[in-house]
Amino acid sequence: MSNDGGVPGQGGQNPQDPYGQQPGGQQNPYGPPGADGGQPQQPPSGSQPEPPQYGQPQYGQPQYGQYAPPGYQAQTPVPMGHSVPWAPPSIGESHRYAWQSFGRNAGVWIVMGLLLVVVGGVVFFVMNPWFGAAFAQFPELMESSDPAAITRWEEELTSASMEPGAIVFSVISSVILQVLGMTFYAAALASTRKQRIGFGDFFALRNWGGILLLALLMVLISNVVALIPLVGWLIQLVVGVLLVAAPYFVLAKDMNAIQAISSSVRLVTSNLGLVVLAYLIVLGYTFAGACLCLIGLLVVAPFSVIFGAHLFRRLQGEPIEAEQMAA
């Protein structure tokens, strides 16, 4: 019979004692409280305390309903797939990365740029023979300096461009040029995944249905908007900003053209300040490149698509694998 008030058969331990022997013979790892009613004894030196259970506040963190202690700073949650520390997207980061990535792969970009210029020029002049014939007369008109002849040449050029057949072939050639431009977007996305890109990355196109339909829609929208008098150029500029991310959505997310356009509009309007600033930077570089006898565009064009690809992925909350490789 127990002489300490315990239950018989329990080795004299009181079941109400939280510091006594636990079922199964396990002892409290920190021992009973001190004789003075203070804190339990500390674990032996070298032992590791058990980690806190999920939902329990960490040391120094305020509990629900309590004020935070002086100097406490809440931790910013890190999106999945990111390494700590993580920072929100910034123009400076994307701008710097675009130049660094272009510098690592300048040879490939310039060669592909020259190839695109040659192929694009051949496609344009083959699909628009009336423009080639009119362009051949232009040097002679400049030498003659005859205002009447120049006016007549402009009227003939405009009349030829408005023929139904010329409009159809012009749209087809523009769609082909848009598809050729998609190779640059594909390489730009590849440059965010790895340090070095090759010629194969330009031609790693997929989702051909989305690519072709997006190219057609962008050409039609641009041409229709340009016909609006006085404010057509301004609307065209606004449309260009809203659709700036559509090629990235088609190539990176395998979206169809309609989904890519709507996703681009949502992304741009949700981050309007960043996107507009990036767009203005690209326009400034494009103007500077055009002033250098168009040679500068061989550098500006790659920079622009890499700049956009990096900012696109950062706005999507995606990690940039190429940066992690460099680190």
C-alpha atoms as a PDB file:
ATOM      1  CA  MET A   1       0.000   0.000   0.000  1.00  0.00           C
ATOM      2  CA  SER A   2       1.324   3.391  -0.967  1.00  0.00           C
ATOM      3  CA  ASN A   3       2.474   5.634   1.844  1.00  0.00           C
ATOM      4  CA  ASP A   4       2.598   8.875  -0.240  1.00  0.00           C
ATOM      5  CA  GLY A   5      -0.918   9.158  -1.506  1.00  0.00           C
ATOM      6  CA  GLY A   6      -0.166   7.589  -4.881  1.00  0.00           C
ATOM      7  CA  VAL A   7      -2.064   4.881  -6.659  1.00  0.00           C
ATOM      8  CA  PRO A   8      -1.117   1.320  -5.837  1.00  0.00           C
ATOM      9  CA  GLY A   9       0.872  -0.364  -8.539  1.00  0.00           C
ATOM     10  CA  GLN A  10       2.322   2.902  -9.897  1.00  0.00           C
ATOM     11  CA  GLY A  11       5.605   2.812  -8.027  1.00  0.00           C
ATOM     12  CA  GLY A  12       4.453   5.522  -5.640  1.00  0.00           C
ATOM     13  CA  GLN A  13       4.111   8.140  -8.368  1.00  0.00           C
ATOM     14  CA  ASN A  14       1.217  10.525  -8.357  1.00  0.00           C
ATOM     15  CA  PRO A  15      -0.525  10.653 -11.797  1.00  0.00           C
ATOM     16  CA  GLN A  16      -1.307  14.315 -11.197  1.00  0.00           C
ATOM     17  CA  ASP A  17       2.398  15.119 -10.948  1.00  0.00           C
ATOM     18  CA  PRO A  18       3.382  16.453 -14.411  1.00  0.00           C
ATOM     19  CA  TYR A  19       7.066  16.039 -13.639  1.00  0.00           C
ATOM     20  CA  GLY A  20       6.906  12.481 -12.509  1.00  0.00           C
ATOM     21  CA  GLN A  21       7.514   9.380 -14.551  1.00  0.00           C
ATOM     22  CA  GLN A  22       5.536   9.361 -17.771  1.00  0.00           C
ATOM     23  CA  PRO A  23       3.766   6.330 -19.168  1.00  0.00           C
ATOM     24  CA  GLY A  24       6.211   3.898 -20.692  1.00  0.00           C
ATOM     25  CA  GLY A  25       8.926   4.796 -18.211  1.00  0.00           C
ATOM     26  CA  GLN A  26       9.970   8.042 -19.951  1.00  0.00           C
ATOM     27  CA  GLN A  27      11.340  10.791 -17.743  1.00  0.00           C
ATOM     28  CA  ASN A  28      10.829  14.492 -18.263  1.00  0.00           C
ATOM     29  CA  PRO A  29      14.016  15.519 -20.135  1.00  0.00           C
ATOM     30  CA  TYR A  30      14.327  18.721 -18.124  1.00  0.00           C
ATOM     31  CA  GLY A  31      13.607  17.155 -14.694  1.00  0.00           C
ATOM     32  CA  PRO A  32      11.210  18.411 -12.029  1.00  0.00           C
ATOM     33  CA  PRO A  33      11.050  22.048 -10.999  1.00  0.00           C
ATOM     34  CA  GLY A  34      13.474  23.311  -8.411  1.00  0.00           C
ATOM     35  CA  ALA A  35      12.739  23.097  -4.797  1.00  0.00           C
ATOM     36  CA  ASP A  36      12.111  26.805  -4.687  1.00  0.00           C
ATOM     37  CA  GLY A  37       9.282  26.491  -7.214  1.00  0.00           C
ATOM     38  CA  GLY A  38      11.424  28.092  -9.936  1.00  0.00           C
ATOM     39  CA  GLN A  39      12.185  26.948 -13.450  1.00  0.00           C
ATOM     40  CA  PRO A  40      12.874  23.322 -14.303  1.00  0.00           C
ATOM     41  CA  GLN A  41      16.450  22.190 -14.391  1.00  0.00           C
ATOM     42  CA  GLN A  42      18.294  22.895 -17.619  1.00  0.00           C
ATOM     43  CA  PRO A  43      19.232  20.015 -19.925  1.00  0.00           C
ATOM     44  CA  PRO A  44      22.742  18.586 -19.618  1.00  0.00           C
ATOM     45  CA  SER A  45      25.500  20.372 -21.471  1.00  0.00           C
ATOM     46  CA  GLY A  46      25.808  19.275 -25.081  1.00  0.00           C
ATOM     47  CA  SER A  47      22.238  18.038 -25.433  1.00  0.00           C
ATOM     48  CA  GLN A  48      19.847  19.643 -27.910  1.00  0.00           C
ATOM     49  CA  PRO A  49      16.408  20.836 -26.798  1.00  0.00           C
ATOM     50  CA  GLU A  50      13.424  19.530 -28.678  1.00  0.00           C
ATOM     51  CA  PRO A  51      12.275  21.789 -31.548  1.00  0.00           C
ATOM     52  CA  PRO A  52       9.064  23.726 -30.963  1.00  0.00           C
ATOM     53  CA  GLN A  53       5.897  22.238 -32.314  1.00  0.00           C
ATOM     54  CA  TYR A  54       4.142  23.740 -35.336  1.00  0.00           C
ATOM     55  CA  GLY A  55       2.074  26.751 -34.372  1.00  0.00           C
ATOM     56  CA  GLN A  56       4.019  27.511 -31.182  1.00  0.00           C
ATOM     57  CA  PRO A  57       5.610  30.973 -30.998  1.00  0.00           C
ATOM     58  CA  GLN A  58       9.376  31.146 -31.240  1.00  0.00           C
ATOM     59  CA  TYR A  59      11.471  32.859 -28.618  1.00  0.00           C
ATOM     60  CA  GLY A  60      11.197  36.605 -28.963  1.00  0.00           C
ATOM     61  CA  GLN A  61       8.100  36.472 -31.154  1.00  0.00           C
ATOM     62  CA  PRO A  62       4.910  38.101 -29.855  1.00  0.00           C
ATOM     63  CA  GLN A  63       1.979  35.781 -29.221  1.00  0.00           C
ATOM     64  CA  TYR A  64      -1.466  36.447 -30.616  1.00  0.00           C
ATOM     65  CA  GLY A  65      -3.033  39.485 -28.957  1.00  0.00           C
ATOM     66  CA  GLN A  66       0.261  40.734 -27.516  1.00  0.00           C
ATOM     67  CA  TYR A  67       2.291  43.764 -28.531  1.00  0.00           C
ATOM     68  CA  ALA A  68       5.613  43.100 -30.196  1.00  0.00           C
ATOM     69  CA  PRO A  69       8.660  43.752 -28.016  1.00  0.00           C
ATOM     70  CA  PRO A  70      10.857  46.743 -28.855  1.00  0.00           C
ATOM     71  CA  GLY A  71      13.085  46.105 -31.885  1.00  0.00           C
ATOM     72  CA  TYR A  72      11.095  43.099 -33.129  1.00  0.00           C
ATOM     73  CA  GLN A  73      10.820  42.874 -36.911  1.00  0.00           C
ATOM     74  CA  ALA A  74       8.497  40.412 -38.610  1.00  0.00           C
ATOM     75  CA  GLN A  75      10.135  38.172 -41.196  1.00  0.00           C
ATOM     76  CA  THR A  76       9.026  38.616 -44.805  1.00  0.00           C
ATOM     77  CA  PRO A  77       7.787  35.329 -46.230  1.00  0.00           C
ATOM     78  CA  VAL A  78       9.999  33.978 -49.021  1.00  0.00           C
ATOM     79  CA  PRO A  79       8.194  32.632 -52.099  1.00  0.00           C
ATOM     80  CA  MET A  80       8.627  28.938 -52.807  1.00  0.00           C
ATOM     81  CA  GLY A  81      11.643  28.168 -54.958  1.00  0.00           C
ATOM     82  CA  HIS A  82      13.615  31.181 -53.797  1.00  0.00           C
ATOM     83  CA  SER A  83      16.729  31.187 -51.723  1.00  0.00           C
ATOM     84  CA  VAL A  84      17.061  33.558 -48.787  1.00  0.00           C
ATOM     85  CA  PRO A  85      17.470  36.518 -48.980  1.00  0.00           C
ATOM     86  CA  TRP A  86      14.741  37.429 -51.469  1.00  0.00           C
ATOM     87  CA  ALA A  87      13.944  40.906 -52.744  1.00  0.00           C
ATOM     88  CA  PRO A  88      11.038  42.221 -54.819  1.00  0.00           C
ATOM     89  CA  PRO A  89      11.576  42.840 -58.560  1.00  0.00           C
ATOM     90  CA  SER A  90      13.431  46.005 -59.488  1.00  0.00           C
ATOM     91  CA  ILE A  91      14.337  47.769 -62.714  1.00  0.00           C
ATOM     92  CA  GLY A  92      17.963  48.091 -61.644  1.00  0.00           C
ATOM     93  CA  GLU A  93      18.356  44.359 -61.092  1.00  0.00           C
ATOM     94  CA  SER A  94      16.830  43.425 -64.476  1.00  0.00           C
ATOM     95  CA  HIS A  95      18.752  46.181 -66.275  1.00  0.00           C
ATOM     96  CA  ARG A  96      22.054  45.033 -64.800  1.00  0.00           C
ATOM     97  CA  TYR A  97      21.368  41.374 -65.521  1.00  0.00           C
ATOM     98  CA  ALA A  98      20.424  42.092 -69.155  1.00  0.00           C
ATOM     99  CA  TRP A  99      23.745  43.794 -69.871  1.00  0.00           C
ATOM    100  CA  GLN A 100      25.720  41.097 -68.049  1.00  0.00           C
ATOM    101  CA  SER A 101      23.951  38.290 -69.889  1.00  0.00           C
ATOM    102  CA  PHE A 102      24.394  40.002 -73.260  1.00  0.00           C
ATOM    103  CA  GLY A 103      28.087  40.503 -72.516  1.00  0.00           C
ATOM    104  CA  ARG A 104      28.531  36.774 -71.834  1.00  0.00           C
ATOM    105  CA  ASN A 105      26.830  35.842 -75.113  1.00  0.00           C
ATOM    106  CA  ALA A 106      27.471  38.875 -77.336  1.00  0.00           C
ATOM    107  CA  GLY A 107      28.861  36.863 -80.252  1.00  0.00           C
ATOM    108  CA  VAL A 108      25.839  34.587 -80.527  1.00  0.00           C
ATOM    109  CA  TRP A 109      23.397  37.490 -80.243  1.00  0.00           C
ATOM    110  CA  ILE A 110      25.124  39.631 -82.882  1.00  0.00           C
ATOM    111  CA  VAL A 111      25.412  36.774 -85.387  1.00  0.00           C
ATOM    112  CA  MET A 112      21.745  35.899 -84.927  1.00  0.00           C
ATOM    113  CA  GLY A 113      20.832  39.574 -85.215  1.00  0.00           C
ATOM    114  CA  LEU A 114      22.609  39.862 -88.571  1.00  0.00           C
ATOM    115  CA  LEU A 115      20.960  36.661 -89.778  1.00  0.00           C
ATOM    116  CA  LEU A 116      17.556  37.946 -88.730  1.00  0.00           C
ATOM    117  CA  VAL A 117      18.116  41.235 -90.577  1.00  0.00           C
ATOM    118  CA  VAL A 118      19.091  39.445 -93.801  1.00  0.00           C
ATOM    119  CA  VAL A 119      16.254  36.902 -93.665  1.00  0.00           C
ATOM    120  CA  GLY A 120      13.716  39.536 -92.646  1.00  0.00           C
ATOM    121  CA  GLY A 121      14.786  41.840 -95.472  1.00  0.00           C
ATOM    122  CA  VAL A 122      14.473  39.059 -98.047  1.00  0.00           C
ATOM    123  CA  VAL A 123      11.019  38.104 -96.759  1.00  0.00           C
ATOM    124  CA  PHE A 124       9.804  41.701 -96.788  1.00  0.00           C
ATOM    125  CA  PHE A 125      10.958  42.557-100.306  1.00  0.00           C
ATOM    126  CA  VAL A 126       9.783  39.223-101.763  1.00  0.00           C
ATOM    127  CA  MET A 127       6.337  39.567-100.206  1.00  0.00           C
ATOM    128  CA  ASN A 128       6.096  43.298-101.077  1.00  0.00           C
ATOM    129  CA  PRO A 129       7.532  43.670-104.613  1.00  0.00           C
ATOM    130  CA  TRP A 130       5.794  47.015-105.134  1.00  0.00           C
ATOM    131  CA  PHE A 131       7.825  48.466-102.280  1.00  0.00           C
ATOM    132  CA  GLY A 132      11.079  47.213-103.780  1.00  0.00           C
ATOM    133  CA  ALA A 133      10.283  48.837-107.125  1.00  0.00           C
ATOM    134  CA  ALA A 134       9.400  52.139-105.468  1.00  0.00           C
ATOM    135  CA  PHE A 135      12.482  52.013-103.252  1.00  0.00           C
ATOM    136  CA  ALA A 136      14.718  51.549-106.322  1.00  0.00           C
ATOM    137  CA  GLN A 137      13.469  54.881-107.714  1.00  0.00           C
ATOM    138  CA  PHE A 138      14.126  56.803-104.510  1.00  0.00           C
ATOM    139  CA  PRO A 139      17.852  57.645-105.072  1.00  0.00           C
ATOM    140  CA  GLU A 140      17.102  59.041-108.512  1.00  0.00           C
ATOM    141  CA  LEU A 141      14.338  61.226-107.091  1.00  0.00           C
ATOM    142  CA  MET A 142      16.681  62.595-104.443  1.00  0.00           C
ATOM    143  CA  GLU A 143      19.214  63.571-107.085  1.00  0.00           C
ATOM    144  CA  SER A 144      16.648  65.303-109.293  1.00  0.00           C
ATOM    145  CA  SER A 145      15.216  67.352-106.418  1.00  0.00           C
ATOM    146  CA  ASP A 146      11.973  67.719-108.364  1.00  0.00           C
ATOM    147  CA  PRO A 147       9.149  68.369-105.866  1.00  0.00           C
ATOM    148  CA  ALA A 148       6.469  67.342-108.360  1.00  0.00           C
ATOM    149  CA  ALA A 149       8.219  64.038-109.088  1.00  0.00           C
ATOM    150  CA  ILE A 150       8.636  63.303-105.396  1.00  0.00           C
ATOM    151  CA  THR A 151       4.947  64.039-104.752  1.00  0.00           C
ATOM    152  CA  ARG A 152       3.915  61.794-107.645  1.00  0.00           C
ATOM    153  CA  TRP A 153       6.177  59.010-106.321  1.00  0.00           C
ATOM    154  CA  GLU A 154       4.615  59.237-102.858  1.00  0.00           C
ATOM    155  CA  GLU A 155       1.096  59.044-104.310  1.00  0.00           C
ATOM    156  CA  GLU A 156       1.983  55.985-106.412  1.00  0.00           C
ATOM    157  CA  LEU A 157       3.570  54.296-103.405  1.00  0.00           C
ATOM    158  CA  THR A 158       0.514  54.931-101.245  1.00  0.00           C
ATOM    159  CA  SER A 159      -1.861  53.733-103.981  1.00  0.00           C
ATOM    160  CA  ALA A 160       0.107  50.530-104.532  1.00  0.00           C
ATOM    161  CA  SER A 161       0.223  49.775-100.804  1.00  0.00           C
ATOM    162  CA  MET A 162      -3.588  50.031-100.527  1.00  0.00           C
ATOM    163  CA  GLU A 163      -4.296  47.390-103.164  1.00  0.00           C
ATOM    164  CA  PRO A 164      -6.066  44.314-101.667  1.00  0.00           C
ATOM    165  CA  GLY A 165      -3.305  41.975-102.776  1.00  0.00           C
ATOM    166  CA  ALA A 166      -0.630  44.256-101.367  1.00  0.00           C
ATOM    167  CA  ILE A 167      -2.436  44.406 -98.006  1.00  0.00           C
ATOM    168  CA  VAL A 168      -2.688  40.609 -97.784  1.00  0.00           C
ATOM    169  CA  PHE A 169       0.969  40.062 -98.632  1.00  0.00           C
ATOM    170  CA  SER A 170       2.008  42.842 -96.285  1.00  0.00           C
ATOM    171  CA  VAL A 171       0.137  41.184 -93.402  1.00  0.00           C
ATOM    172  CA  ILE A 172       1.670  37.795 -94.229  1.00  0.00           C
ATOM    173  CA  SER A 173       5.180  39.228 -94.331  1.00  0.00           C
ATOM    174  CA  SER A 174       4.605  41.031 -91.021  1.00  0.00           C
ATOM    175  CA  VAL A 175       3.417  37.795 -89.400  1.00  0.00           C
ATOM    176  CA  ILE A 176       6.541  36.005 -90.674  1.00  0.00           C
ATOM    177  CA  LEU A 177       8.728  38.758 -89.248  1.00  0.00           C
ATOM    178  CA  GLN A 178       6.893  38.486 -85.907  1.00  0.00           C
ATOM    179  CA  VAL A 179       7.543  34.735 -85.827  1.00  0.00           C
ATOM    180  CA  LEU A 180      11.219  35.311 -86.625  1.00  0.00           C
ATOM    181  CA  GLY A 181      11.331  37.771 -83.745  1.00  0.00           C
ATOM    182  CA  MET A 182      10.025  35.035 -81.417  1.00  0.00           C
ATOM    183  CA  THR A 183      13.423  33.348 -81.712  1.00  0.00           C
ATOM    184  CA  PHE A 184      14.918  36.254 -79.776  1.00  0.00           C
ATOM    185  CA  TYR A 185      12.292  35.898 -77.041  1.00  0.00           C
ATOM    186  CA  ALA A 186      13.040  32.173 -76.756  1.00  0.00           C
ATOM    187  CA  ALA A 187      16.780  32.834 -76.404  1.00  0.00           C
ATOM    188  CA  ALA A 188      16.119  35.579 -73.856  1.00  0.00           C
ATOM    189  CA  LEU A 189      14.113  33.185 -71.683  1.00  0.00           C
ATOM    190  CA  ALA A 190      16.908  30.616 -72.028  1.00  0.00           C
ATOM    191  CA  SER A 191      19.413  33.234 -70.849  1.00  0.00           C
ATOM    192  CA  THR A 192      17.551  33.441 -67.522  1.00  0.00           C
ATOM    193  CA  ARG A 193      17.976  29.688 -67.025  1.00  0.00           C
ATOM    194  CA  LYS A 194      21.674  29.336 -67.840  1.00  0.00           C
ATOM    195  CA  GLN A 195      24.820  31.394 -68.118  1.00  0.00           C
ATOM    196  CA  ARG A 196      25.695  30.496 -71.722  1.00  0.00           C
ATOM    197  CA  ILE A 197      23.258  30.129 -74.600  1.00  0.00           C
ATOM    198  CA  GLY A 198      23.794  28.629 -78.044  1.00  0.00           C
ATOM    199  CA  PHE A 199      22.234  28.919 -81.486  1.00  0.00           C
ATOM    200  CA  GLY A 200      19.888  26.059 -80.664  1.00  0.00           C
ATOM    201  CA  ASP A 201      18.202  28.116 -77.949  1.00  0.00           C
ATOM    202  CA  PHE A 202      16.921  30.536 -80.594  1.00  0.00           C
ATOM    203  CA  PHE A 203      15.125  27.778 -82.458  1.00  0.00           C
ATOM    204  CA  ALA A 204      13.764  25.892 -79.431  1.00  0.00           C
ATOM    205  CA  LEU A 205      10.267  27.122 -80.232  1.00  0.00           C
ATOM    206  CA  ARG A 206       7.163  25.228 -79.162  1.00  0.00           C
ATOM    207  CA  ASN A 207       3.456  25.974 -78.959  1.00  0.00           C
ATOM    208  CA  TRP A 208       3.368  26.872 -82.643  1.00  0.00           C
ATOM    209  CA  GLY A 209      -0.375  27.416 -82.610  1.00  0.00           C
ATOM    210  CA  GLY A 210      -0.052  30.084 -79.935  1.00  0.00           C
ATOM    211  CA  ILE A 211       2.942  31.674 -81.657  1.00  0.00           C
ATOM    212  CA  LEU A 212       1.256  31.985 -85.069  1.00  0.00           C
ATOM    213  CA  LEU A 213      -2.065  33.250 -83.741  1.00  0.00           C
ATOM    214  CA  LEU A 214      -0.390  35.754 -81.427  1.00  0.00           C
ATOM    215  CA  ALA A 215       1.751  37.068 -84.297  1.00  0.00           C
ATOM    216  CA  LEU A 216      -1.339  37.469 -86.486  1.00  0.00           C
ATOM    217  CA  LEU A 217      -3.353  39.221 -83.780  1.00  0.00           C
ATOM    218  CA  MET A 218      -0.525  41.600 -82.914  1.00  0.00           C
ATOM    219  CA  VAL A 219      -0.080  42.563 -86.583  1.00  0.00           C
ATOM    220  CA  LEU A 220      -3.821  43.111 -87.098  1.00  0.00           C
ATOM    221  CA  ILE A 221      -4.223  45.117 -83.899  1.00  0.00           C
ATOM    222  CA  SER A 222      -1.227  47.287 -84.712  1.00  0.00           C
ATOM    223  CA  ASN A 223      -2.359  47.989 -88.290  1.00  0.00           C
ATOM    224  CA  VAL A 224      -5.965  48.737 -87.341  1.00  0.00           C
ATOM    225  CA  VAL A 225      -4.988  51.043 -84.494  1.00  0.00           C
ATOM    226  CA  ALA A 226      -2.521  52.881 -86.749  1.00  0.00           C
ATOM    227  CA  LEU A 227      -5.405  53.877 -89.044  1.00  0.00           C
ATOM    228  CA  ILE A 228      -7.039  55.954 -86.298  1.00  0.00           C
ATOM    229  CA  PRO A 229      -6.366  59.614 -87.148  1.00  0.00           C
ATOM    230  CA  LEU A 230      -4.468  61.922 -84.811  1.00  0.00           C
ATOM    231  CA  VAL A 231      -4.317  59.605 -81.791  1.00  0.00           C
ATOM    232  CA  GLY A 232      -3.517  56.361 -83.604  1.00  0.00           C
ATOM    233  CA  TRP A 233       0.159  56.494 -82.695  1.00  0.00           C
ATOM    234  CA  LEU A 234      -0.670  57.078 -79.026  1.00  0.00           C
ATOM    235  CA  ILE A 235      -3.117  54.154 -78.886  1.00  0.00           C
ATOM    236  CA  GLN A 236      -0.550  52.024 -80.662  1.00  0.00           C
ATOM    237  CA  LEU A 237       1.971  52.899 -77.958  1.00  0.00           C
ATOM    238  CA  VAL A 238      -0.487  52.004 -75.185  1.00  0.00           C
ATOM    239  CA  VAL A 239      -1.338  48.693 -76.866  1.00  0.00           C
ATOM    240  CA  GLY A 240       2.364  47.929 -77.205  1.00  0.00           C
ATOM    241  CA  VAL A 241       2.842  48.408 -73.459  1.00  0.00           C
ATOM    242  CA  LEU A 242      -0.155  46.240 -72.574  1.00  0.00           C
ATOM    243  CA  LEU A 243       0.929  43.379 -74.857  1.00  0.00           C
ATOM    244  CA  VAL A 244       4.631  43.537 -74.057  1.00  0.00           C
ATOM    245  CA  ALA A 245       4.560  40.324 -71.998  1.00  0.00           C
ATOM    246  CA  ALA A 246       2.361  38.282 -74.374  1.00  0.00           C
ATOM    247  CA  PRO A 247       5.270  36.593 -76.240  1.00  0.00           C
ATOM    248  CA  TYR A 248       6.804  35.501 -72.932  1.00  0.00           C
ATOM    249  CA  PHE A 249       3.514  33.946 -71.801  1.00  0.00           C
ATOM    250  CA  VAL A 250       3.166  32.018 -75.073  1.00  0.00           C
ATOM    251  CA  LEU A 251       6.715  30.671 -74.958  1.00  0.00           C
ATOM    252  CA  ALA A 252       7.253  30.186 -71.223  1.00  0.00           C
ATOM    253  CA  LYS A 253       3.735  29.158 -70.138  1.00  0.00           C
ATOM    254  CA  ASP A 254       2.471  27.433 -73.320  1.00  0.00           C
ATOM    255  CA  MET A 255      -0.616  29.665 -73.344  1.00  0.00           C
ATOM    256  CA  ASN A 256      -2.755  30.245 -76.381  1.00  0.00           C
ATOM    257  CA  ALA A 257      -2.830  33.712 -77.909  1.00  0.00           C
ATOM    258  CA  ILE A 258      -5.975  34.909 -76.119  1.00  0.00           C
ATOM    259  CA  GLN A 259      -4.741  33.714 -72.733  1.00  0.00           C
ATOM    260  CA  ALA A 260      -1.339  35.307 -73.342  1.00  0.00           C
ATOM    261  CA  ILE A 261      -2.885  38.666 -74.246  1.00  0.00           C
ATOM    262  CA  SER A 262      -5.199  38.722 -71.218  1.00  0.00           C
ATOM    263  CA  SER A 263      -2.378  37.587 -68.900  1.00  0.00           C
ATOM    264  CA  SER A 264      -0.094  40.294 -70.291  1.00  0.00           C
ATOM    265  CA  VAL A 265      -2.727  42.971 -69.674  1.00  0.00           C
ATOM    266  CA  ARG A 266      -3.217  41.787 -66.074  1.00  0.00           C
ATOM    267  CA  LEU A 267       0.515  41.630 -65.399  1.00  0.00           C
ATOM    268  CA  VAL A 268       1.143  45.091 -66.848  1.00  0.00           C
ATOM    269  CA  THR A 269      -1.753  46.780 -65.070  1.00  0.00           C
ATOM    270  CA  SER A 270      -0.754  45.153 -61.765  1.00  0.00           C
ATOM    271  CA  ASN A 271       2.820  46.448 -62.113  1.00  0.00           C
ATOM    272  CA  LEU A 272       2.213  49.533 -64.231  1.00  0.00           C
ATOM    273  CA  GLY A 273       4.978  51.683 -62.785  1.00  0.00           C
ATOM    274  CA  LEU A 274       7.721  49.097 -63.276  1.00  0.00           C
ATOM    275  CA  VAL A 275       6.575  48.118 -66.770  1.00  0.00           C
ATOM    276  CA  VAL A 276       6.206  51.688 -68.037  1.00  0.00           C
ATOM    277  CA  LEU A 277       9.648  52.606 -66.711  1.00  0.00           C
ATOM    278  CA  ALA A 278      11.178  49.544 -68.374  1.00  0.00           C
ATOM    279  CA  TYR A 279       9.379  50.378 -71.624  1.00  0.00           C
ATOM    280  CA  LEU A 280      10.701  53.940 -71.576  1.00  0.00           C
ATOM    281  CA  ILE A 281      14.244  52.671 -70.980  1.00  0.00           C
ATOM    282  CA  VAL A 282      13.950  50.371 -73.998  1.00  0.00           C
ATOM    283  CA  LEU A 283      12.577  53.201 -76.143  1.00  0.00           C
ATOM    284  CA  GLY A 284      15.504  55.395 -75.127  1.00  0.00           C
ATOM    285  CA  TYR A 285      18.036  52.714 -76.029  1.00  0.00           C
ATOM    286  CA  THR A 286      16.218  52.032 -79.316  1.00  0.00           C
ATOM    287  CA  PHE A 287      16.353  55.692 -80.294  1.00  0.00           C
ATOM    288  CA  ALA A 288      20.072  55.812 -79.467  1.00  0.00           C
ATOM    289  CA  GLY A 289      20.704  52.631 -81.470  1.00  0.00           C
ATOM    290  CA  ALA A 290      18.816  53.973 -84.473  1.00  0.00           C
ATOM    291  CA  CYS A 291      20.912  57.139 -84.387  1.00  0.00           C
ATOM    292  CA  LEU A 292      24.045  54.991 -84.806  1.00  0.00           C
ATOM    293  CA  CYS A 293      23.099  54.079 -88.377  1.00  0.00           C
ATOM    294  CA  LEU A 294      20.989  51.188 -87.022  1.00  0.00           C
ATOM    295  CA  ILE A 295      24.182  49.327 -86.004  1.00  0.00           C
ATOM    296  CA  GLY A 296      23.362  49.933 -82.368  1.00  0.00           C
ATOM    297  CA  LEU A 297      20.142  47.950 -82.756  1.00  0.00           C
ATOM    298  CA  LEU A 298      22.225  44.773 -82.973  1.00  0.00           C
ATOM    299  CA  VAL A 299      23.010  45.428 -79.310  1.00  0.00           C
ATOM    300  CA  VAL A 300      19.779  47.086 -78.200  1.00  0.00           C
ATOM    301  CA  ALA A 301      17.475  44.341 -79.525  1.00  0.00           C
ATOM    302  CA  PRO A 302      19.116  41.516 -77.516  1.00  0.00           C
ATOM    303  CA  PHE A 303      19.340  43.711 -74.430  1.00  0.00           C
ATOM    304  CA  SER A 304      15.644  44.580 -74.678  1.00  0.00           C
ATOM    305  CA  VAL A 305      14.370  40.988 -74.829  1.00  0.00           C
ATOM    306  CA  ILE A 306      16.710  39.827 -72.031  1.00  0.00           C
ATOM    307  CA  PHE A 307      15.653  42.815 -69.940  1.00  0.00           C
ATOM    308  CA  GLY A 308      12.023  41.898 -70.508  1.00  0.00           C
ATOM    309  CA  ALA A 309      12.551  38.171 -69.849  1.00  0.00           C
ATOM    310  CA  HIS A 310      14.281  38.798 -66.525  1.00  0.00           C
ATOM    311  CA  LEU A 311      11.642  41.274 -65.371  1.00  0.00           C
ATOM    312  CA  PHE A 312       8.867  38.949 -66.572  1.00  0.00           C
ATOM    313  CA  ARG A 313      10.145  36.027 -64.515  1.00  0.00           C
ATOM    314  CA  ARG A 314      10.756  38.176 -61.445  1.00  0.00           C
ATOM    315  CA  LEU A 315       7.223  39.601 -61.639  1.00  0.00           C
ATOM    316  CA  GLN A 316       5.985  36.001 -61.835  1.00  0.00           C
ATOM    317  CA  GLY A 317       7.814  35.241 -58.593  1.00  0.00           C
ATOM    318  CA  GLU A 318      10.134  32.768 -60.331  1.00  0.00           C
ATOM    319  CA  PRO A 319      13.809  32.282 -59.444  1.00  0.00           C
ATOM    320  CA  ILE A 320      16.478  33.140 -62.014  1.00  0.00           C
ATOM    321  CA  GLU A 321      18.500  29.939 -62.322  1.00  0.00           C
ATOM    322  CA  ALA A 322      21.373  31.651 -64.129  1.00  0.00           C
ATOM    323  CA  GLU A 323      21.906  33.996 -61.156  1.00  0.00           C
ATOM    324  CA  GLN A 324      21.962  31.061 -58.759  1.00  0.00           C
ATOM    325  CA  MET A 325      24.582  29.325 -60.951  1.00  0.00           C
ATOM    326  CA  ALA A 326      26.756  32.441 -60.872  1.00  0.00           C
ATOM    327  CA  ALA A 327      26.468  32.600 -57.090  1.00  0.00           C
END
